[in-house]
Amino acid sequence: MPRTIFPTRHIHTLKTHNGPVNAVTFSSSGGTYVLTGSSDRAVHLSRAVPNNSNSPTAVETTTPIQKYEAHGYSVLDIAVAADNARFASVGGDRQVFLWDVEQGITTKRWSGHNSRVEAVQFAGDGDSVVVTGKPLPPALLFPS
């Protein structure tokens, strides 16, 4: 596995949202891309490191590669599947969304929580299960 080298200086600022960012996660294997979830109810896909990262000053990105919008309230957590083709998002609207990264659409939507959902993770063979959690039990599992 190649050695990961972390930047030693500020190289990139993401200013793509219109509200506070509540969730950040990197793409699997390599972390080339980053997904951010915000109180503006959207998830944005951006490059983690800009193409011109050798610039002596930090680069600012104001437009994401893709916007994903379906939540009715703040996005509170995001999880990326190992194949990078899907991600799940949860939020204050008590909903769980499964997204197709390339098409920019939701492929599944689950409800069942009686309060805001604060955590999401993939599990199982081939990320076949989406596990969600909130401040009070129970955690819920959904087939992806």
N, C-alpha and C. Protein backbone atom coordinates (compact mmCIF):
# COMPACT_ATOMS: atom_id res chain seq x y z
N MET A 1 0.85 -1.17 0.00
CA MET A 1 0.00 0.00 0.00
C MET A 1 0.89 1.24 0.00
N PRO A 2 0.62 2.21 -0.89
CA PRO A 2 1.46 3.40 -0.93
C PRO A 2 1.32 4.22 0.35
N ARG A 3 2.39 4.85 0.70
CA ARG A 3 2.43 5.66 1.91
C ARG A 3 1.65 6.95 1.68
N THR A 4 0.79 7.30 2.61
CA THR A 4 0.01 8.53 2.52
C THR A 4 0.83 9.67 3.09
N ILE A 5 0.94 10.73 2.31
CA ILE A 5 1.67 11.91 2.77
C ILE A 5 0.65 13.01 3.01
N PHE A 6 0.61 13.48 4.24
CA PHE A 6 -0.33 14.53 4.60
C PHE A 6 0.29 15.89 4.31
N PRO A 7 -0.53 16.85 3.91
CA PRO A 7 0.02 18.19 3.66
C PRO A 7 0.55 18.80 4.95
N THR A 8 1.56 19.62 4.82
CA THR A 8 2.15 20.30 5.97
C THR A 8 1.74 21.77 6.02
N ARG A 9 0.91 22.17 5.08
CA ARG A 9 0.40 23.54 5.05
C ARG A 9 -1.04 23.52 4.52
N HIS A 10 -1.73 24.59 4.73
CA HIS A 10 -3.11 24.73 4.25
C HIS A 10 -3.08 24.82 2.73
N ILE A 11 -3.74 23.86 2.04
CA ILE A 11 -3.69 23.85 0.58
C ILE A 11 -5.04 24.05 -0.10
N HIS A 12 -6.14 23.89 0.66
CA HIS A 12 -7.44 23.91 -0.01
C HIS A 12 -8.53 24.36 0.94
N THR A 13 -9.39 25.23 0.48
CA THR A 13 -10.57 25.67 1.22
C THR A 13 -11.80 25.37 0.37
N LEU A 14 -12.75 24.64 0.95
CA LEU A 14 -14.01 24.36 0.27
C LEU A 14 -15.07 25.33 0.78
N LYS A 15 -15.60 26.14 -0.12
CA LYS A 15 -16.68 27.07 0.23
C LYS A 15 -17.84 26.84 -0.73
N THR A 16 -18.35 25.61 -0.71
CA THR A 16 -19.41 25.25 -1.66
C THR A 16 -20.80 25.29 -1.05
N HIS A 17 -20.90 25.33 0.27
CA HIS A 17 -22.20 25.28 0.95
C HIS A 17 -22.66 26.67 1.38
N ASN A 18 -23.96 26.78 1.63
CA ASN A 18 -24.56 28.02 2.14
C ASN A 18 -24.90 27.91 3.61
N GLY A 19 -24.27 27.02 4.33
CA GLY A 19 -24.52 26.84 5.76
C GLY A 19 -23.39 26.06 6.37
N PRO A 20 -23.46 25.83 7.69
CA PRO A 20 -22.42 25.08 8.38
C PRO A 20 -22.28 23.66 7.82
N VAL A 21 -21.05 23.17 7.75
CA VAL A 21 -20.77 21.80 7.32
C VAL A 21 -20.80 20.91 8.55
N ASN A 22 -21.66 19.88 8.52
CA ASN A 22 -21.84 18.97 9.65
C ASN A 22 -21.17 17.62 9.44
N ALA A 23 -20.88 17.26 8.20
CA ALA A 23 -20.35 15.93 7.89
C ALA A 23 -19.32 16.03 6.78
N VAL A 24 -18.23 15.29 6.93
CA VAL A 24 -17.17 15.23 5.92
C VAL A 24 -16.69 13.79 5.83
N THR A 25 -16.58 13.27 4.63
CA THR A 25 -16.00 11.94 4.45
C THR A 25 -15.27 11.88 3.12
N PHE A 26 -14.20 11.11 3.09
CA PHE A 26 -13.40 10.95 1.88
C PHE A 26 -13.86 9.74 1.09
N SER A 27 -13.59 9.76 -0.21
CA SER A 27 -13.84 8.59 -1.04
C SER A 27 -12.95 7.45 -0.57
N SER A 28 -13.38 6.24 -0.86
CA SER A 28 -12.61 5.06 -0.46
C SER A 28 -11.32 4.96 -1.27
N SER A 29 -10.36 4.29 -0.71
CA SER A 29 -9.07 4.00 -1.35
C SER A 29 -8.47 5.18 -2.10
N GLY A 30 -7.78 5.97 -1.38
CA GLY A 30 -7.06 7.08 -1.99
C GLY A 30 -7.52 8.44 -1.56
N GLY A 31 -8.79 8.57 -1.24
CA GLY A 31 -9.30 9.85 -0.77
C GLY A 31 -9.17 10.98 -1.77
N THR A 32 -9.36 10.69 -3.05
CA THR A 32 -9.26 11.71 -4.09
C THR A 32 -10.37 12.73 -3.99
N TYR A 33 -11.53 12.27 -3.55
CA TYR A 33 -12.70 13.14 -3.47
C TYR A 33 -13.19 13.23 -2.03
N VAL A 34 -13.95 14.30 -1.75
CA VAL A 34 -14.53 14.49 -0.43
C VAL A 34 -16.01 14.83 -0.61
N LEU A 35 -16.84 14.23 0.25
CA LEU A 35 -18.26 14.56 0.32
C LEU A 35 -18.49 15.36 1.58
N THR A 36 -19.22 16.46 1.47
CA THR A 36 -19.55 17.28 2.63
C THR A 36 -21.06 17.42 2.73
N GLY A 37 -21.57 17.34 3.96
CA GLY A 37 -23.00 17.51 4.21
C GLY A 37 -23.21 18.72 5.08
N SER A 38 -24.28 19.45 4.84
CA SER A 38 -24.44 20.76 5.47
C SER A 38 -25.84 21.01 6.00
N SER A 39 -25.93 22.06 6.80
CA SER A 39 -27.23 22.55 7.26
C SER A 39 -28.05 23.14 6.12
N ASP A 40 -27.42 23.36 4.97
CA ASP A 40 -28.17 23.84 3.80
C ASP A 40 -28.94 22.70 3.11
N ARG A 41 -28.90 21.49 3.74
CA ARG A 41 -29.66 20.30 3.33
C ARG A 41 -29.10 19.60 2.10
N ALA A 42 -27.86 19.91 1.72
CA ALA A 42 -27.26 19.31 0.53
C ALA A 42 -25.98 18.56 0.88
N VAL A 43 -25.62 17.63 0.00
CA VAL A 43 -24.33 16.95 0.03
C VAL A 43 -23.59 17.40 -1.23
N HIS A 44 -22.31 17.78 -1.07
CA HIS A 44 -21.51 18.21 -2.21
C HIS A 44 -20.31 17.29 -2.40
N LEU A 45 -19.99 17.01 -3.64
CA LEU A 45 -18.81 16.24 -4.02
C LEU A 45 -17.77 17.21 -4.57
N SER A 46 -16.56 17.16 -4.01
CA SER A 46 -15.47 18.03 -4.46
C SER A 46 -14.18 17.23 -4.49
N ARG A 47 -13.18 17.75 -5.18
CA ARG A 47 -11.85 17.14 -5.12
C ARG A 47 -11.26 17.45 -3.76
N ALA A 48 -10.63 16.45 -3.15
CA ALA A 48 -10.01 16.66 -1.84
C ALA A 48 -8.79 17.56 -1.95
N VAL A 49 -7.99 17.33 -2.97
CA VAL A 49 -6.81 18.15 -3.22
C VAL A 49 -6.99 18.74 -4.61
N PRO A 50 -6.91 20.06 -4.73
CA PRO A 50 -7.13 20.68 -6.04
C PRO A 50 -6.03 20.29 -7.03
N ASN A 51 -6.35 20.39 -8.32
CA ASN A 51 -5.37 20.06 -9.36
C ASN A 51 -4.10 20.89 -9.26
N ASN A 52 -4.22 22.12 -8.82
CA ASN A 52 -3.06 23.00 -8.71
C ASN A 52 -2.61 23.13 -7.26
N SER A 53 -2.43 21.99 -6.58
CA SER A 53 -2.08 22.00 -5.16
C SER A 53 -0.65 22.45 -4.90
N ASN A 54 0.13 22.68 -5.95
CA ASN A 54 1.50 23.19 -5.77
C ASN A 54 1.53 24.70 -5.64
N SER A 55 0.37 25.32 -5.68
CA SER A 55 0.28 26.77 -5.53
C SER A 55 0.83 27.18 -4.17
N PRO A 56 1.56 28.31 -4.09
CA PRO A 56 2.11 28.74 -2.80
C PRO A 56 1.05 29.21 -1.82
N THR A 57 -0.16 29.52 -2.31
CA THR A 57 -1.26 29.91 -1.42
C THR A 57 -2.38 28.89 -1.54
N ALA A 58 -3.23 28.83 -0.53
CA ALA A 58 -4.33 27.88 -0.53
C ALA A 58 -5.30 28.16 -1.67
N VAL A 59 -5.77 27.11 -2.29
CA VAL A 59 -6.74 27.21 -3.37
C VAL A 59 -8.14 27.18 -2.76
N GLU A 60 -9.04 27.99 -3.31
CA GLU A 60 -10.42 28.02 -2.83
C GLU A 60 -11.34 27.45 -3.90
N THR A 61 -12.19 26.51 -3.49
CA THR A 61 -13.19 25.94 -4.39
C THR A 61 -14.56 26.42 -3.94
N THR A 62 -15.31 27.02 -4.88
CA THR A 62 -16.63 27.54 -4.55
C THR A 62 -17.76 26.79 -5.26
N THR A 63 -17.41 25.95 -6.23
CA THR A 63 -18.41 25.18 -6.96
C THR A 63 -18.08 23.70 -6.85
N PRO A 64 -19.00 22.87 -6.34
CA PRO A 64 -18.71 21.44 -6.24
C PRO A 64 -18.79 20.76 -7.60
N ILE A 65 -18.24 19.56 -7.69
CA ILE A 65 -18.35 18.75 -8.90
C ILE A 65 -19.80 18.33 -9.10
N GLN A 66 -20.46 17.99 -7.99
CA GLN A 66 -21.85 17.51 -8.03
C GLN A 66 -22.55 17.92 -6.75
N LYS A 67 -23.84 18.26 -6.85
CA LYS A 67 -24.68 18.53 -5.68
C LYS A 67 -25.73 17.43 -5.61
N TYR A 68 -25.99 16.97 -4.38
CA TYR A 68 -27.01 15.95 -4.13
C TYR A 68 -28.01 16.56 -3.16
N GLU A 69 -29.26 16.73 -3.62
CA GLU A 69 -30.26 17.40 -2.80
C GLU A 69 -31.53 16.58 -2.70
N ALA A 70 -31.90 16.20 -1.47
CA ALA A 70 -33.16 15.49 -1.23
C ALA A 70 -33.60 15.67 0.22
N HIS A 71 -32.68 15.98 1.11
CA HIS A 71 -33.01 16.10 2.53
C HIS A 71 -33.89 17.33 2.80
N GLY A 72 -34.78 17.18 3.77
CA GLY A 72 -35.65 18.27 4.17
C GLY A 72 -35.08 19.10 5.31
N TYR A 73 -34.04 18.58 5.97
CA TYR A 73 -33.36 19.28 7.06
C TYR A 73 -31.87 19.04 6.92
N SER A 74 -31.10 19.50 7.88
CA SER A 74 -29.64 19.39 7.84
C SER A 74 -29.16 17.97 7.59
N VAL A 75 -28.09 17.84 6.79
CA VAL A 75 -27.40 16.56 6.60
C VAL A 75 -26.42 16.43 7.76
N LEU A 76 -26.48 15.28 8.47
CA LEU A 76 -25.67 15.11 9.68
C LEU A 76 -24.57 14.07 9.57
N ASP A 77 -24.65 13.15 8.61
CA ASP A 77 -23.57 12.18 8.43
C ASP A 77 -23.65 11.61 7.02
N ILE A 78 -22.49 11.13 6.54
CA ILE A 78 -22.36 10.56 5.20
C ILE A 78 -21.43 9.35 5.30
N ALA A 79 -21.74 8.30 4.56
CA ALA A 79 -20.84 7.14 4.46
C ALA A 79 -20.71 6.75 3.00
N VAL A 80 -19.49 6.42 2.58
CA VAL A 80 -19.20 6.04 1.20
C VAL A 80 -19.00 4.53 1.13
N ALA A 81 -19.64 3.88 0.16
CA ALA A 81 -19.44 2.45 -0.06
C ALA A 81 -18.03 2.21 -0.58
N ALA A 82 -17.51 1.03 -0.35
CA ALA A 82 -16.13 0.69 -0.74
C ALA A 82 -15.89 0.84 -2.24
N ASP A 83 -16.94 0.65 -3.05
CA ASP A 83 -16.77 0.76 -4.51
C ASP A 83 -16.85 2.19 -5.02
N ASN A 84 -17.09 3.16 -4.13
CA ASN A 84 -17.22 4.58 -4.47
C ASN A 84 -18.39 4.89 -5.40
N ALA A 85 -19.21 3.93 -5.72
CA ALA A 85 -20.33 4.16 -6.64
C ALA A 85 -21.57 4.64 -5.91
N ARG A 86 -21.62 4.42 -4.59
CA ARG A 86 -22.79 4.79 -3.79
C ARG A 86 -22.34 5.46 -2.50
N PHE A 87 -23.23 6.28 -1.96
CA PHE A 87 -23.03 6.77 -0.60
C PHE A 87 -24.39 6.89 0.06
N ALA A 88 -24.38 6.92 1.38
CA ALA A 88 -25.61 7.09 2.16
C ALA A 88 -25.50 8.38 2.94
N SER A 89 -26.63 9.06 3.11
CA SER A 89 -26.66 10.28 3.92
C SER A 89 -27.86 10.22 4.86
N VAL A 90 -27.70 10.85 6.02
CA VAL A 90 -28.76 10.90 7.02
C VAL A 90 -28.83 12.32 7.57
N GLY A 91 -29.96 12.64 8.21
CA GLY A 91 -30.07 13.99 8.73
C GLY A 91 -31.22 14.24 9.66
N GLY A 92 -31.47 15.52 9.84
CA GLY A 92 -32.49 15.98 10.75
C GLY A 92 -33.90 15.68 10.31
N ASP A 93 -34.09 15.28 9.07
CA ASP A 93 -35.42 14.95 8.56
C ASP A 93 -35.83 13.51 8.86
N ARG A 94 -34.99 12.76 9.62
CA ARG A 94 -35.25 11.38 10.03
C ARG A 94 -35.20 10.40 8.85
N GLN A 95 -34.62 10.83 7.74
CA GLN A 95 -34.56 10.02 6.53
C GLN A 95 -33.15 9.47 6.31
N VAL A 96 -33.08 8.35 5.60
CA VAL A 96 -31.83 7.75 5.16
C VAL A 96 -31.91 7.65 3.64
N PHE A 97 -30.94 8.23 2.96
CA PHE A 97 -30.92 8.19 1.50
C PHE A 97 -29.71 7.40 1.02
N LEU A 98 -29.92 6.55 0.01
CA LEU A 98 -28.84 5.88 -0.69
C LEU A 98 -28.74 6.53 -2.06
N TRP A 99 -27.54 6.97 -2.42
CA TRP A 99 -27.31 7.75 -3.63
C TRP A 99 -26.46 7.01 -4.64
N ASP A 100 -26.72 7.25 -5.91
CA ASP A 100 -25.84 6.84 -7.00
C ASP A 100 -24.94 8.05 -7.28
N VAL A 101 -23.64 7.89 -7.05
CA VAL A 101 -22.71 9.01 -7.17
C VAL A 101 -22.71 9.59 -8.58
N GLU A 102 -22.57 8.74 -9.57
CA GLU A 102 -22.44 9.21 -10.95
C GLU A 102 -23.71 9.86 -11.48
N GLN A 103 -24.86 9.24 -11.21
CA GLN A 103 -26.13 9.77 -11.73
C GLN A 103 -26.67 10.92 -10.89
N GLY A 104 -26.21 11.04 -9.65
CA GLY A 104 -26.66 12.14 -8.79
C GLY A 104 -28.08 11.99 -8.29
N ILE A 105 -28.56 10.74 -8.21
CA ILE A 105 -29.95 10.51 -7.79
C ILE A 105 -29.99 9.57 -6.59
N THR A 106 -31.11 9.64 -5.86
CA THR A 106 -31.32 8.68 -4.78
C THR A 106 -31.84 7.39 -5.40
N THR A 107 -31.29 6.27 -4.94
CA THR A 107 -31.76 4.98 -5.43
C THR A 107 -32.66 4.30 -4.40
N LYS A 108 -32.51 4.70 -3.14
CA LYS A 108 -33.38 4.19 -2.08
C LYS A 108 -33.55 5.28 -1.03
N ARG A 109 -34.70 5.21 -0.37
CA ARG A 109 -35.00 6.13 0.73
C ARG A 109 -35.69 5.33 1.80
N TRP A 110 -35.17 5.43 3.03
CA TRP A 110 -35.77 4.71 4.14
C TRP A 110 -36.17 5.68 5.23
N SER A 111 -37.24 5.32 5.92
CA SER A 111 -37.64 6.06 7.12
C SER A 111 -37.86 5.02 8.21
N GLY A 112 -38.13 5.45 9.39
CA GLY A 112 -38.33 4.52 10.50
C GLY A 112 -37.81 5.08 11.81
N HIS A 113 -36.93 6.06 11.71
CA HIS A 113 -36.47 6.72 12.93
C HIS A 113 -37.52 7.74 13.37
N ASN A 114 -37.65 7.93 14.69
CA ASN A 114 -38.62 8.89 15.20
C ASN A 114 -37.97 10.20 15.63
N SER A 115 -36.68 10.34 15.36
CA SER A 115 -35.97 11.60 15.61
C SER A 115 -34.82 11.68 14.61
N ARG A 116 -34.09 12.78 14.66
CA ARG A 116 -33.02 12.97 13.68
C ARG A 116 -32.02 11.83 13.70
N VAL A 117 -31.47 11.52 12.54
CA VAL A 117 -30.51 10.43 12.40
C VAL A 117 -29.12 11.06 12.33
N GLU A 118 -28.22 10.60 13.21
CA GLU A 118 -26.91 11.26 13.33
C GLU A 118 -25.74 10.43 12.85
N ALA A 119 -25.95 9.16 12.51
CA ALA A 119 -24.82 8.32 12.11
C ALA A 119 -25.26 7.33 11.05
N VAL A 120 -24.35 7.05 10.12
CA VAL A 120 -24.61 6.06 9.07
C VAL A 120 -23.30 5.37 8.72
N GLN A 121 -23.40 4.08 8.37
CA GLN A 121 -22.22 3.29 8.01
C GLN A 121 -22.67 2.13 7.12
N PHE A 122 -21.80 1.72 6.22
CA PHE A 122 -22.04 0.52 5.42
C PHE A 122 -21.47 -0.68 6.15
N ALA A 123 -22.06 -1.85 5.94
CA ALA A 123 -21.59 -3.09 6.57
C ALA A 123 -21.97 -4.27 5.67
N GLY A 124 -21.48 -5.45 6.03
CA GLY A 124 -21.83 -6.67 5.31
C GLY A 124 -21.03 -6.88 4.04
N ASP A 125 -21.19 -8.05 3.46
CA ASP A 125 -20.50 -8.39 2.21
C ASP A 125 -20.94 -7.44 1.11
N GLY A 126 -19.99 -6.80 0.46
CA GLY A 126 -20.31 -5.88 -0.62
C GLY A 126 -21.10 -4.68 -0.16
N ASP A 127 -20.91 -4.28 1.10
CA ASP A 127 -21.66 -3.14 1.66
C ASP A 127 -23.16 -3.32 1.45
N SER A 128 -23.65 -4.51 1.77
CA SER A 128 -25.05 -4.86 1.51
C SER A 128 -26.03 -4.35 2.56
N VAL A 129 -25.50 -3.75 3.63
CA VAL A 129 -26.35 -3.26 4.71
C VAL A 129 -25.96 -1.82 5.04
N VAL A 130 -26.95 -0.98 5.29
CA VAL A 130 -26.73 0.38 5.78
C VAL A 130 -27.21 0.42 7.22
N VAL A 131 -26.33 0.80 8.14
CA VAL A 131 -26.65 0.87 9.56
C VAL A 131 -26.76 2.33 9.94
N THR A 132 -27.84 2.68 10.66
CA THR A 132 -28.04 4.07 11.06
C THR A 132 -28.23 4.17 12.57
N GLY A 133 -27.93 5.34 13.10
CA GLY A 133 -28.09 5.54 14.54
C GLY A 133 -28.50 6.96 14.86
N LYS A 134 -29.00 7.12 16.08
CA LYS A 134 -29.44 8.42 16.57
C LYS A 134 -29.14 8.49 18.06
N PRO A 135 -29.43 9.62 18.72
CA PRO A 135 -29.06 9.75 20.14
C PRO A 135 -29.64 8.67 21.05
N LEU A 136 -30.84 8.20 20.77
CA LEU A 136 -31.47 7.17 21.60
C LEU A 136 -31.68 5.92 20.78
N PRO A 137 -31.65 4.73 21.42
CA PRO A 137 -31.87 3.48 20.68
C PRO A 137 -33.24 3.50 20.00
N PRO A 138 -33.44 2.68 19.02
CA PRO A 138 -32.55 1.64 18.51
C PRO A 138 -31.78 2.11 17.28
N ALA A 139 -30.71 1.39 16.93
CA ALA A 139 -30.07 1.55 15.63
C ALA A 139 -30.91 0.75 14.64
N LEU A 140 -30.95 1.19 13.40
CA LEU A 140 -31.73 0.49 12.38
C LEU A 140 -30.81 0.01 11.27
N LEU A 141 -31.13 -1.15 10.69
CA LEU A 141 -30.37 -1.72 9.58
C LEU A 141 -31.28 -1.83 8.37
N PHE A 142 -30.76 -1.43 7.20
CA PHE A 142 -31.53 -1.47 5.97
C PHE A 142 -30.71 -2.21 4.91
N PRO A 143 -31.36 -3.00 4.03
CA PRO A 143 -30.62 -3.64 2.94
C PRO A 143 -30.28 -2.60 1.87
N SER A 144 -29.02 -2.57 1.44
CA SER A 144 -28.65 -1.57 0.43
C SER A 144 -28.80 -2.15 -0.96
